[in-house]
Protein backbone atom coordinates (compact mmCIF):
# COMPACT_ATOMS: atom_id res chain seq x y z
CA MET A 1 83.16 77.64 102.12
CA PHE A 2 84.44 81.18 102.81
CA GLN A 3 85.06 82.29 106.39
CA ARG A 4 86.89 85.60 105.97
CA ILE A 5 86.01 87.86 103.06
CA LEU A 6 87.95 91.02 102.29
CA LEU A 7 86.13 93.79 100.40
CA ALA A 8 88.19 96.57 98.86
CA THR A 9 86.04 99.67 98.49
CA ASP A 10 86.70 103.15 97.13
CA GLY A 11 83.13 104.46 97.33
CA SER A 12 82.59 104.26 93.54
CA ALA A 13 79.65 102.70 91.68
CA ALA A 14 81.87 99.70 90.92
CA SER A 15 82.57 99.36 94.65
CA GLU A 16 78.84 99.51 95.32
CA HIS A 17 78.26 96.38 93.26
CA ALA A 18 81.26 94.67 94.83
CA ALA A 19 79.94 95.54 98.32
CA GLN A 20 76.50 94.12 97.57
CA THR A 21 78.07 90.90 96.28
CA ALA A 22 80.50 90.58 99.20
CA ILE A 23 77.73 91.17 101.73
CA ALA A 24 75.48 88.59 100.07
CA MET A 25 78.34 86.06 100.11
CA ALA A 26 79.14 86.84 103.75
CA ARG A 27 75.49 86.16 104.63
CA VAL A 28 75.32 82.92 102.71
CA HIS A 29 78.61 81.61 104.14
CA LYS A 30 78.15 83.25 107.59
CA ALA A 31 81.59 84.75 107.02
CA ARG A 32 83.31 87.70 108.61
CA LEU A 33 83.52 90.65 106.19
CA THR A 34 86.35 93.15 106.40
CA ALA A 35 85.84 96.26 104.27
CA ILE A 36 89.00 98.21 103.60
CA TYR A 37 89.63 101.59 102.10
CA VAL A 38 93.21 102.36 101.07
CA VAL A 39 94.31 106.00 101.34
CA ASP A 40 97.20 106.29 98.95
CA PRO A 41 99.34 109.39 99.54
CA TYR A 42 101.51 108.78 96.48
CA PRO A 43 99.25 110.32 93.81
CA TYR A 44 99.62 113.60 95.68
CA MET A 45 103.38 113.23 95.84
CA GLY A 46 103.47 112.98 92.06
CA VAL A 47 101.74 116.34 91.67
CA GLY A 48 104.49 118.20 93.43
CA GLU A 49 104.62 120.94 96.02
CA ALA A 50 102.79 123.42 93.80
CA ASN A 51 99.44 121.78 94.49
CA PRO A 52 97.31 124.45 96.22
CA MET A 53 95.34 121.81 98.09
CA GLY A 54 98.29 120.80 100.21
CA PHE A 55 99.16 117.35 101.43
CA ASP A 56 97.26 117.65 104.72
CA ALA A 57 94.09 118.75 102.96
CA TYR A 58 94.49 115.90 100.45
CA MET A 59 94.81 113.31 103.22
CA SER A 60 91.93 114.83 105.19
CA ALA A 61 89.66 114.68 102.15
CA ALA A 62 90.74 111.08 101.50
CA ARG A 63 89.94 110.09 105.10
CA GLU A 64 86.50 111.71 104.82
CA HIS A 65 85.85 109.83 101.60
CA ALA A 66 86.91 106.60 103.30
CA ALA A 67 84.52 107.26 106.18
CA ARG A 68 81.63 107.80 103.74
CA ALA A 69 82.47 104.59 101.88
CA HIS A 70 82.63 102.64 105.13
CA THR A 71 79.36 104.12 106.38
CA HIS A 72 77.67 103.03 103.17
CA VAL A 73 78.98 99.44 103.50
CA ASP A 74 77.81 99.40 107.12
CA GLU A 75 74.34 100.58 106.05
CA LEU A 76 74.13 97.83 103.42
CA CYS A 77 75.11 95.24 106.06
CA ARG A 78 72.24 96.39 108.27
CA GLN A 79 69.65 95.72 105.51
CA GLY A 80 68.91 92.09 106.28
CA ASP A 81 70.45 89.28 108.25
CA PRO A 82 73.39 90.47 110.38
CA VAL A 83 76.90 90.42 108.94
CA ASP A 84 80.04 90.29 111.08
CA LEU A 85 81.64 93.48 109.70
CA GLN A 86 85.02 95.03 110.39
CA LEU A 87 85.97 98.38 108.84
CA ARG A 88 89.60 99.32 108.22
CA MET A 89 91.28 102.30 106.65
CA ILE A 90 94.81 101.69 105.44
CA GLU A 91 97.24 104.54 104.81
CA ASP A 92 100.68 105.06 103.29
CA VAL A 93 100.69 102.31 100.69
CA THR A 94 99.42 101.86 97.18
CA ALA A 95 95.97 100.32 96.69
CA LEU A 96 97.52 97.04 95.53
CA GLU A 97 99.86 96.79 98.54
CA GLY A 98 97.11 97.76 100.95
CA ILE A 99 94.71 95.14 99.63
CA LEU A 100 97.26 92.34 99.56
CA ASN A 101 98.66 93.21 103.01
CA ALA A 102 95.18 93.36 104.51
CA ALA A 103 94.28 90.01 102.96
CA ARG A 104 97.33 88.48 104.63
CA GLU A 105 96.71 90.20 108.00
CA GLU A 106 93.04 89.18 108.02
CA SER A 107 93.76 85.64 106.76
CA ALA A 108 91.18 86.32 104.05
CA ASP A 109 90.14 83.37 101.95
CA LEU A 110 88.44 85.60 99.35
CA ILE A 111 89.07 89.14 98.10
CA VAL A 112 86.18 90.99 96.44
CA VAL A 113 86.98 94.05 94.30
CA GLY A 114 84.99 96.16 91.90
CA SER A 115 86.01 96.90 88.35
CA HIS A 116 85.08 100.00 86.38
CA GLY A 117 85.17 97.92 83.22
CA ARG A 118 87.49 100.27 81.36
CA THR A 119 89.07 98.94 78.20
CA GLY A 120 91.56 100.13 75.66
CA ILE A 121 93.39 103.39 76.28
CA GLY A 122 91.44 104.15 79.47
CA ARG A 123 92.65 100.96 81.05
CA ALA A 124 96.19 101.47 79.77
CA LEU A 125 96.39 105.00 81.16
CA LEU A 126 94.67 104.40 84.46
CA GLY A 127 95.79 100.85 85.09
CA SER A 128 93.61 98.32 86.78
CA VAL A 129 93.87 97.77 90.51
CA ALA A 130 91.50 94.83 90.17
CA GLY A 131 93.71 93.27 87.48
CA LYS A 132 96.82 93.76 89.61
CA VAL A 133 95.12 92.17 92.61
CA VAL A 134 94.12 89.15 90.51
CA ALA A 135 97.66 88.83 89.19
CA ASN A 136 99.35 89.10 92.60
CA SER A 137 96.95 87.57 95.12
CA LYS A 138 97.59 84.21 96.76
CA VAL A 139 93.90 83.78 97.55
CA PRO A 140 90.92 83.78 95.17
CA VAL A 141 89.74 87.17 93.89
CA LEU A 142 86.21 87.92 92.76
CA VAL A 143 86.03 90.90 90.40
CA VAL A 144 82.57 92.44 90.24
CA ARG A 145 81.48 94.72 87.39
């Protein structure tokens, strides 16, 4: 049924469950799996120039985190039947834009995202990337908690 699955990962526990589900689905459907990590520079921009970390250090740390998240997905893919895996890091856009653009570019027929399961004020303050992807995607979205 699915031929091209897009997994959005951020290395969190919620992403771990999403990765396990996406990999299992890729195996069942013999689908190509593309795991993306979106490095969003805009949270740093909102902090201002006074941030002692500096923009370059922020982006370097984000890239390292992306590499760790991708390595983990790759390791999960190696634990069983082979999965056709592509890893991509996307920079200079928000998480929502990065996920939707990658889905279009990859001709994904399913997007898998994790959800932290926040409710109430936590969700209102932090927003929900998963919810925004569901609301804006033109292809089916599977939200894993």
